[in-house]
Amino acid sequence: MRWQELLHTRNRPDVGVSDRAEATLKELGHRNAVINTIHRALTKNGIAEERWAGQFALHDEGSGQKIVGRVLAKGVAENEMGERVYLVVDGIDGRVHHMEFRDPTRIEEVGRDMIVEAAPVVSGPRPADRNIAGNAVEDDGIYRPSRHLERIRDSFEGQGKDPDVFVRSHVRRLEALRRAGHVERIDADHWKVPEDIVKRGQAYDLSHGGDGLRIRTLSTLSLDQQIGSDGTTWLDRQMIADDRSEIRDSGFGREVGKAMNRRAQRLVEMGLATAKDGKIRVPVDLPASLERLEVERVGQQMARERGLTYSSTTPGDHISGRLTGTANLVSGRFAMIDDGLGFRLVPWQPLLERHIGRHIAGLQRDDGGIEWTSGRNRGLSL
C-alpha cells in the first residue's frame, strides 16, 4: 500500500487500515528502533563519527551470512514480537551488524569488546532428524533413546565421543518437534515418529528462520589486550591464515589490520617473529609456540600460589593423576591433572567434563593430542 493510500484511508471512516499497512508500520517502527540502538552503541564506544548509516546491516535469526567482529553492545530488543535479545557487532567486513535472537542463552556469555563469530546453524536437513528416522525404522516407527544409546555406545567411546550427550540432543530435538505437532511422546523411551520426519523437520526449521545464528567466542580479549599478550590470540591466527579477504580496509576491519601490524612488531620483540627489509615474517607454528610459553608461565605461577610442583608435558610423556579442574588461559582452556606430588596443564576436551574428580591416564601424542584412559580403561582418544 502506498503512503498516499494510507493517508487517504485514514480520512475515510468507512475504511479501516489494512493488516498489511499495520504490519508495515510496525516494521518501520522496529527498524527505526534498531538504528537508534546501533547509534547508541557506536556513541558509547566513541566511534559514532567513524561509522555511518550506509554501513549498518540488520539481521534476523534466519540470516545466512557469517559475521565476525567486535561486540559493541547487547541487550533486550525493543519490538512487539515477544522478548528477544540483540547484539551489535562491529564487523571485520567494515559494516556494523545488528542481530536479534529468540533464545537469550545464545548470547549469555558474550560480553562487550569480545571478538565473536555468528554463523547460520542449519543449511539443510538435520543429521539428528536422519538419525531419528533411521532408528525409528528399526523399531516399527518408534524412536527409543535407550536403543539408540546401545547402538552407538562402543563406537562413540572408541572415538572419544560422549554417547549420552549425543542421544540427549536427539531427545531435545524431538521435544521441539512434539510441541509443533510432528511427533508423539508415548513415554520417556518411546516416541512415535512419522516416516517423513526428515522433511517435516526441515520445514519446521525453515518456518522458524532456520535454527538461527550460532554465536562462537573467538577471543575474550580486546584488540589492545591481544597485542601485548604472551598467549595465542585471535590476531595471531589471523596473521597465519591463508585467506584474509573477509578483513576489509574500513571500519573495524581497518582497526584489525593496524592491530595485526602492532602485534607482529610485538612478536619480533618477543623473539617469535623476524624482521628483514621492512617486512615481518611470522612462522606458521606461532600459535603452538605461544601456547607453550603461556602454559609454562601460568603453570609456574599456579605452582607458587598453591605450593605445588608444576611439570610441563612433551610428546611421549605418560600423564596420570586426578582431574581436579580447569584453567582458562588466553590460548584456551586447559585441564589440571594432579598426580599427588605436583600437577600438569593439558589441553581441555569436552569429554573430560564428566571425568572431573576422577583418576585418568594417557599418553601425549606428537600432534599435541592425548590418548586418554579412564578408570574403566576404555580409550577416550582425545
Protein backbone atom coordinates (compact mmCIF):
# COMPACT_ATOMS: atom_id res chain seq x y z
CA MET A 1 0.00 0.00 0.00
CA ARG A 2 1.36 3.44 -0.95
CA TRP A 3 1.65 6.19 1.67
CA GLN A 4 -0.91 8.22 -0.28
CA GLU A 5 -3.36 5.36 0.11
CA LEU A 6 -2.64 5.14 3.81
CA LEU A 7 -3.32 8.86 4.27
CA HIS A 8 -6.46 8.66 2.15
CA THR A 9 -7.70 5.68 4.17
CA ARG A 10 -7.19 7.50 7.46
CA ASN A 11 -9.62 10.20 6.34
CA ARG A 12 -12.36 7.71 5.40
CA PRO A 13 -14.30 6.46 8.43
CA ASP A 14 -15.87 3.65 6.37
CA VAL A 15 -12.50 2.09 5.52
CA GLY A 16 -10.14 0.59 8.13
CA VAL A 17 -6.39 0.40 7.91
CA SER A 18 -5.44 -2.98 6.40
CA ASP A 19 -3.44 -5.61 8.28
CA ARG A 20 -0.71 -5.17 5.69
CA ALA A 21 -0.44 -1.45 6.42
CA GLU A 22 -0.33 -2.10 10.15
CA ALA A 23 2.44 -4.66 9.70
CA THR A 24 4.37 -2.22 7.51
CA LEU A 25 4.14 0.50 10.15
CA LYS A 26 5.31 -1.90 12.85
CA GLU A 27 8.22 -2.98 10.68
CA LEU A 28 9.25 0.62 10.07
CA GLY A 29 8.97 1.37 13.77
CA HIS A 30 11.14 -1.65 14.60
CA ARG A 31 13.73 -0.65 12.01
CA ASN A 32 13.96 2.86 13.47
CA ALA A 33 14.38 1.39 16.96
CA VAL A 34 17.21 -0.83 15.70
CA ILE A 35 19.00 2.09 14.04
CA ASN A 36 18.72 4.07 17.28
CA THR A 37 20.16 1.09 19.17
CA ILE A 38 23.13 0.96 16.79
CA HIS A 39 23.71 4.71 17.17
CA ARG A 40 23.72 4.40 20.97
CA ALA A 41 26.23 1.53 20.80
CA LEU A 42 28.52 3.49 18.48
CA THR A 43 28.31 6.58 20.69
CA LYS A 44 29.05 4.60 23.86
CA ASN A 45 32.13 3.12 22.19
CA GLY A 46 33.29 6.52 20.91
CA ILE A 47 33.14 5.64 17.20
CA ALA A 48 29.87 7.28 16.12
CA GLU A 49 31.78 9.75 13.92
CA GLU A 50 33.68 6.92 12.19
CA ARG A 51 30.64 4.88 11.11
CA TRP A 52 27.65 5.93 9.01
CA ALA A 53 24.18 4.57 8.30
CA GLY A 54 25.26 3.10 4.97
CA GLN A 55 27.43 0.64 6.90
CA PHE A 56 24.55 -0.66 9.05
CA ALA A 57 23.33 -4.22 8.46
CA LEU A 58 20.20 -5.61 10.13
CA HIS A 59 19.80 -9.37 10.54
CA ASP A 60 17.30 -11.80 11.97
CA GLU A 61 17.96 -15.38 13.06
CA GLY A 62 17.35 -16.62 9.54
CA SER A 63 20.32 -14.74 8.12
CA GLY A 64 22.56 -16.97 6.04
CA GLN A 65 25.63 -14.77 6.42
CA LYS A 66 28.68 -15.39 8.61
CA ILE A 67 29.65 -12.36 10.67
CA VAL A 68 32.92 -11.83 12.55
CA GLY A 69 33.61 -8.79 14.66
CA ARG A 70 33.82 -6.98 17.98
CA VAL A 71 30.80 -6.82 20.30
CA LEU A 72 29.74 -3.22 20.86
CA ALA A 73 26.56 -3.87 22.85
CA LYS A 74 23.94 -6.42 23.85
CA GLY A 75 20.52 -6.10 25.45
CA VAL A 76 16.78 -6.70 25.19
CA ALA A 77 15.30 -5.74 21.80
CA GLU A 78 12.57 -3.12 21.56
CA ASN A 79 9.82 -4.71 19.49
CA GLU A 80 6.34 -6.22 19.59
CA MET A 81 7.46 -9.69 18.51
CA GLY A 82 7.92 -11.06 22.01
CA GLU A 83 11.00 -10.78 24.19
CA ARG A 84 14.16 -11.03 22.12
CA VAL A 85 17.77 -10.11 22.76
CA TYR A 86 20.23 -8.42 20.45
CA LEU A 87 23.92 -7.96 19.70
CA VAL A 88 25.55 -5.02 17.92
CA VAL A 89 28.76 -6.23 16.28
CA ASP A 90 31.41 -4.09 14.59
CA GLY A 91 32.32 -6.41 11.70
CA ILE A 92 35.69 -7.06 10.09
CA ASP A 93 33.84 -6.56 6.79
CA GLY A 94 33.58 -2.83 7.56
CA ARG A 95 29.88 -2.96 8.47
CA VAL A 96 28.03 -2.66 11.78
CA HIS A 97 25.68 -5.60 12.35
CA HIS A 98 22.54 -5.80 14.49
CA MET A 99 21.34 -9.34 15.24
CA GLU A 100 18.32 -10.49 17.23
CA PHE A 101 17.76 -13.84 18.97
CA ARG A 102 14.70 -15.50 20.44
CA ASP A 103 16.81 -17.56 22.86
CA PRO A 104 18.72 -15.33 25.33
CA THR A 105 21.01 -18.21 26.35
CA ARG A 106 22.72 -17.97 22.94
CA ILE A 107 24.48 -14.78 23.96
CA GLU A 108 24.55 -15.30 27.72
CA GLU A 109 28.35 -15.48 27.94
CA VAL A 110 29.05 -12.82 25.33
CA GLY A 111 30.46 -9.53 26.62
CA ARG A 112 31.44 -6.17 25.23
CA ASP A 113 34.76 -6.00 23.32
CA MET A 114 34.84 -9.76 22.77
CA ILE A 115 35.55 -11.00 19.25
CA VAL A 116 32.74 -13.29 18.10
CA GLU A 117 31.56 -15.21 15.07
CA ALA A 118 27.89 -15.51 14.16
CA ALA A 119 27.11 -18.20 11.59
CA PRO A 120 23.93 -19.97 10.42
CA VAL A 121 23.35 -23.33 12.07
CA VAL A 122 21.07 -25.10 9.61
CA SER A 123 21.69 -25.30 5.86
CA GLY A 124 19.60 -28.40 5.07
CA PRO A 125 18.02 -31.46 6.68
CA ARG A 126 19.37 -32.06 10.16
CA PRO A 127 21.59 -35.10 10.75
CA ALA A 128 19.66 -35.58 14.01
CA ASP A 129 16.40 -35.98 12.07
CA ARG A 130 18.02 -38.55 9.80
CA ASN A 131 19.32 -40.44 12.85
CA ILE A 132 15.88 -40.40 14.46
CA ALA A 133 14.28 -41.67 11.26
CA GLY A 134 16.86 -44.43 10.86
CA ASN A 135 16.43 -45.64 14.42
CA ALA A 136 12.64 -45.45 14.22
CA VAL A 137 12.63 -47.69 11.14
CA GLU A 138 14.40 -50.36 13.20
CA ASP A 139 11.57 -50.29 15.78
CA ASP A 140 8.40 -50.02 13.66
CA GLY A 141 8.21 -46.23 13.69
CA ILE A 142 9.14 -45.84 17.35
CA TYR A 143 12.30 -43.98 18.33
CA ARG A 144 13.79 -45.32 21.56
CA PRO A 145 16.65 -43.29 23.13
CA SER A 146 17.83 -46.35 25.08
CA ARG A 147 18.17 -48.42 21.90
CA HIS A 148 19.92 -45.57 20.11
CA LEU A 149 22.40 -45.36 23.00
CA GLU A 150 23.09 -49.11 22.86
CA ARG A 151 23.79 -48.96 19.12
CA ILE A 152 26.36 -46.17 19.32
CA ARG A 153 28.00 -46.54 22.73
CA ASP A 154 31.02 -48.67 21.81
CA SER A 155 31.88 -46.80 18.60
CA PHE A 156 31.46 -43.39 20.24
CA GLU A 157 33.58 -44.17 23.28
CA GLY A 158 36.19 -45.69 20.98
CA GLN A 159 36.36 -42.33 19.16
CA GLY A 160 36.47 -40.29 22.36
CA LYS A 161 32.89 -39.02 22.00
CA ASP A 162 30.16 -38.91 24.64
CA PRO A 163 27.19 -41.09 23.50
CA ASP A 164 24.88 -39.89 26.29
CA VAL A 165 25.22 -36.25 25.27
CA PHE A 166 24.65 -37.22 21.64
CA VAL A 167 21.40 -39.09 22.36
CA ARG A 168 20.12 -36.34 24.69
CA SER A 169 20.48 -33.84 21.85
CA HIS A 170 18.11 -36.02 19.78
CA VAL A 171 15.57 -36.08 22.61
CA ARG A 172 15.68 -32.27 22.82
CA ARG A 173 15.03 -32.14 19.08
CA LEU A 174 12.05 -34.45 19.48
CA GLU A 175 10.64 -32.23 22.23
CA ALA A 176 10.72 -29.25 19.89
CA LEU A 177 9.05 -31.21 17.09
CA ARG A 178 6.44 -32.56 19.55
CA ARG A 179 5.41 -29.04 20.53
CA ALA A 180 4.89 -28.33 16.83
CA GLY A 181 2.73 -31.45 16.46
CA HIS A 182 5.12 -33.50 14.31
CA VAL A 183 5.89 -36.39 16.71
CA GLU A 184 4.15 -38.03 19.64
CA ARG A 185 5.73 -38.78 23.01
CA ILE A 186 4.40 -42.06 24.40
CA ASP A 187 6.81 -42.09 27.36
CA ALA A 188 10.43 -41.13 28.01
CA ASP A 189 11.76 -44.07 25.99
CA HIS A 190 9.12 -44.27 23.25
CA TRP A 191 8.48 -41.63 20.58
CA LYS A 192 6.12 -42.19 17.66
CA VAL A 193 7.81 -40.80 14.56
CA PRO A 194 6.23 -40.32 11.09
CA GLU A 195 8.03 -41.68 8.01
CA ASP A 196 8.56 -38.17 6.63
CA ILE A 197 10.17 -36.81 9.80
CA VAL A 198 13.21 -35.52 7.88
CA LYS A 199 11.03 -33.37 5.59
CA ARG A 200 8.89 -32.24 8.50
CA GLY A 201 11.97 -31.30 10.49
CA GLN A 202 13.36 -29.20 7.66
CA ALA A 203 10.00 -27.48 7.13
CA TYR A 204 9.86 -26.74 10.86
CA ASP A 205 13.33 -25.16 10.79
CA LEU A 206 12.55 -23.04 7.74
CA SER A 207 9.33 -21.78 9.32
CA HIS A 208 11.36 -20.68 12.34
CA GLY A 209 14.06 -18.91 10.35
CA GLY A 210 16.36 -21.91 10.42
CA ASP A 211 17.87 -22.74 13.78
CA GLY A 212 19.19 -19.22 13.99
CA LEU A 213 22.73 -17.98 14.28
CA ARG A 214 25.32 -19.84 16.27
CA ILE A 215 27.48 -17.48 18.32
CA ARG A 216 31.06 -18.57 18.93
CA THR A 217 33.51 -16.56 21.02
CA LEU A 218 36.81 -16.20 19.15
CA SER A 219 38.51 -14.10 21.81
CA THR A 220 37.54 -12.67 25.19
CA LEU A 221 40.31 -10.07 24.84
CA SER A 222 40.08 -6.68 23.17
CA LEU A 223 42.49 -5.88 20.32
CA ASP A 224 44.74 -3.86 22.66
CA GLN A 225 44.90 -6.75 25.14
CA GLN A 226 45.75 -9.20 22.37
CA ILE A 227 48.61 -7.07 21.09
CA GLY A 228 50.61 -7.44 24.31
CA SER A 229 49.54 -10.97 25.25
CA ASP A 230 52.04 -13.82 25.64
CA GLY A 231 49.37 -16.41 24.74
CA THR A 232 47.89 -17.47 21.41
CA THR A 233 45.40 -14.80 20.31
CA TRP A 234 42.82 -14.37 17.59
CA LEU A 235 45.14 -11.84 15.94
CA ASP A 236 47.88 -14.49 15.73
CA ARG A 237 45.55 -16.93 13.97
CA GLN A 238 44.52 -14.21 11.52
CA MET A 239 48.14 -13.43 10.70
CA ILE A 240 48.88 -17.01 9.62
CA ALA A 241 45.51 -17.57 7.91
CA ASP A 242 45.62 -18.48 4.21
CA ASP A 243 42.76 -16.12 3.36
CA ARG A 244 42.21 -12.70 4.90
CA SER A 245 39.77 -11.47 2.27
CA GLU A 246 37.00 -11.03 4.86
CA ILE A 247 39.00 -8.29 6.59
CA ARG A 248 38.21 -5.04 4.78
CA ASP A 249 40.20 -1.83 4.97
CA SER A 250 37.36 0.09 6.60
CA GLY A 251 35.61 0.26 9.97
CA PHE A 252 36.66 -2.43 12.40
CA GLY A 253 38.46 -4.26 9.59
CA ARG A 254 40.91 -1.38 9.36
CA GLU A 255 41.41 -1.47 13.16
CA VAL A 256 42.19 -5.18 12.92
CA GLY A 257 44.76 -4.56 10.18
CA LYS A 258 46.54 -1.97 12.32
CA ALA A 259 46.37 -4.25 15.37
CA MET A 260 47.96 -7.12 13.41
CA ASN A 261 50.86 -4.85 12.45
CA ARG A 262 51.39 -3.87 16.09
CA ARG A 263 51.08 -7.49 17.20
CA ALA A 264 53.67 -8.55 14.62
CA GLN A 265 56.10 -5.96 15.96
CA ARG A 266 55.48 -7.25 19.48
CA LEU A 267 56.25 -10.80 18.32
CA VAL A 268 59.58 -9.58 16.93
CA GLU A 269 60.41 -8.14 20.36
CA MET A 270 59.50 -11.50 21.93
CA GLY A 271 61.81 -13.31 19.50
CA LEU A 272 58.93 -15.22 17.90
CA ALA A 273 58.99 -13.41 14.53
CA THR A 274 61.75 -11.95 12.36
CA ALA A 275 62.03 -8.55 10.68
CA LYS A 276 64.00 -8.12 7.46
CA ASP A 277 63.97 -5.41 4.79
CA GLY A 278 60.98 -3.73 6.40
CA LYS A 279 58.89 -6.91 6.44
CA ILE A 280 57.99 -9.13 9.36
CA ARG A 281 57.89 -12.90 8.92
CA VAL A 282 55.58 -14.83 11.24
CA PRO A 283 56.16 -18.62 11.43
CA VAL A 284 53.21 -20.93 10.82
CA ASP A 285 53.80 -22.72 14.15
CA LEU A 286 53.39 -19.42 16.03
CA PRO A 287 50.18 -20.48 17.89
CA ALA A 288 51.86 -23.62 19.25
CA SER A 289 54.94 -21.66 20.36
CA LEU A 290 52.85 -19.04 22.15
CA GLU A 291 50.71 -21.70 23.81
CA ARG A 292 53.77 -23.46 25.23
CA LEU A 293 55.14 -20.19 26.63
CA GLU A 294 51.83 -19.21 28.25
CA VAL A 295 51.16 -22.66 29.72
CA GLU A 296 54.66 -22.73 31.23
CA ARG A 297 54.27 -19.25 32.74
CA VAL A 298 50.78 -19.90 34.15
CA GLY A 299 51.78 -23.35 35.40
CA GLN A 300 54.74 -21.97 37.34
CA GLN A 301 52.61 -19.14 38.72
CA MET A 302 49.91 -21.58 39.91
CA ALA A 303 52.61 -23.78 41.47
CA ARG A 304 53.97 -20.86 43.52
CA GLU A 305 50.48 -19.83 44.66
CA ARG A 306 49.49 -23.37 45.68
CA GLY A 307 52.79 -24.64 46.99
CA LEU A 308 52.89 -27.42 44.38
CA THR A 309 55.29 -28.56 41.70
CA TYR A 310 54.42 -27.91 38.07
CA SER A 311 55.61 -30.28 35.32
CA SER A 312 55.40 -29.44 31.63
CA THR A 313 54.46 -32.09 29.07
CA THR A 314 56.16 -33.19 25.87
CA PRO A 315 55.25 -35.75 23.19
CA GLY A 316 55.62 -39.29 24.50
CA ASP A 317 55.00 -38.32 28.15
CA HIS A 318 52.77 -40.58 30.22
CA ILE A 319 50.21 -38.47 32.11
CA SER A 320 48.44 -39.89 35.14
CA GLY A 321 46.51 -38.34 38.01
CA ARG A 322 43.23 -36.91 39.20
CA LEU A 323 41.44 -34.39 37.03
CA THR A 324 40.95 -31.62 39.59
CA GLY A 325 39.61 -28.81 37.44
CA THR A 326 40.35 -26.41 34.62
CA ALA A 327 42.29 -23.23 33.91
CA ASN A 328 41.21 -20.62 31.34
CA LEU A 329 44.19 -19.14 29.52
CA VAL A 330 44.43 -16.76 26.59
CA SER A 331 45.43 -19.77 24.46
CA GLY A 332 42.33 -21.70 25.52
CA ARG A 333 41.00 -23.96 28.26
CA PHE A 334 43.30 -26.46 29.99
CA ALA A 335 42.74 -29.42 32.30
CA MET A 336 44.65 -29.61 35.59
CA ILE A 337 45.96 -33.12 36.36
CA ASP A 338 47.17 -33.70 39.96
CA ASP A 339 49.46 -36.73 40.46
CA GLY A 340 49.84 -36.26 44.22
CA LEU A 341 53.27 -34.64 44.00
CA GLY A 342 52.52 -31.91 41.50
CA PHE A 343 50.34 -31.12 38.53
CA ARG A 344 50.29 -30.64 34.77
CA LEU A 345 48.20 -28.49 32.44
CA VAL A 346 47.00 -30.21 29.28
CA PRO A 347 44.59 -29.11 26.51
CA TRP A 348 40.95 -29.44 27.53
CA GLN A 349 38.42 -31.58 25.67
CA PRO A 350 34.63 -31.55 26.28
CA LEU A 351 34.63 -35.29 27.00
CA LEU A 352 36.67 -34.64 30.16
CA GLU A 353 33.74 -32.79 31.76
CA ARG A 354 32.22 -35.96 33.20
CA HIS A 355 35.61 -37.16 34.49
CA ILE A 356 36.33 -34.21 36.81
CA GLY A 357 37.35 -35.57 40.19
CA ARG A 358 38.32 -38.95 38.74
CA HIS A 359 41.67 -40.57 38.04
CA ILE A 360 42.63 -40.62 34.38
CA ALA A 361 45.78 -41.51 32.48
CA GLY A 362 47.05 -41.04 28.98
CA LEU A 363 49.91 -40.62 26.55
CA GLN A 364 50.68 -37.35 24.78
CA ARG A 365 50.91 -37.74 21.01
CA ASP A 366 53.25 -35.88 18.67
CA ASP A 367 50.37 -33.75 17.40
CA GLY A 368 49.62 -32.43 20.90
CA GLY A 369 46.55 -34.64 21.43
CA ILE A 370 46.35 -37.17 24.24
CA GLU A 371 45.24 -40.79 24.22
CA TRP A 372 43.28 -40.95 27.46
CA THR A 373 42.04 -43.89 29.52
CA SER A 374 39.56 -43.62 32.38
CA GLY A 375 39.10 -45.84 35.40
CA ARG A 376 37.34 -48.40 33.18
CA ASN A 377 40.45 -48.50 30.93
CA ARG A 378 38.44 -47.53 27.88
CA GLY A 379 40.15 -45.34 25.32
CA LEU A 380 38.91 -41.75 25.23
CA SER A 381 41.06 -40.91 22.19
CA LEU A 382 41.18 -37.19 22.52
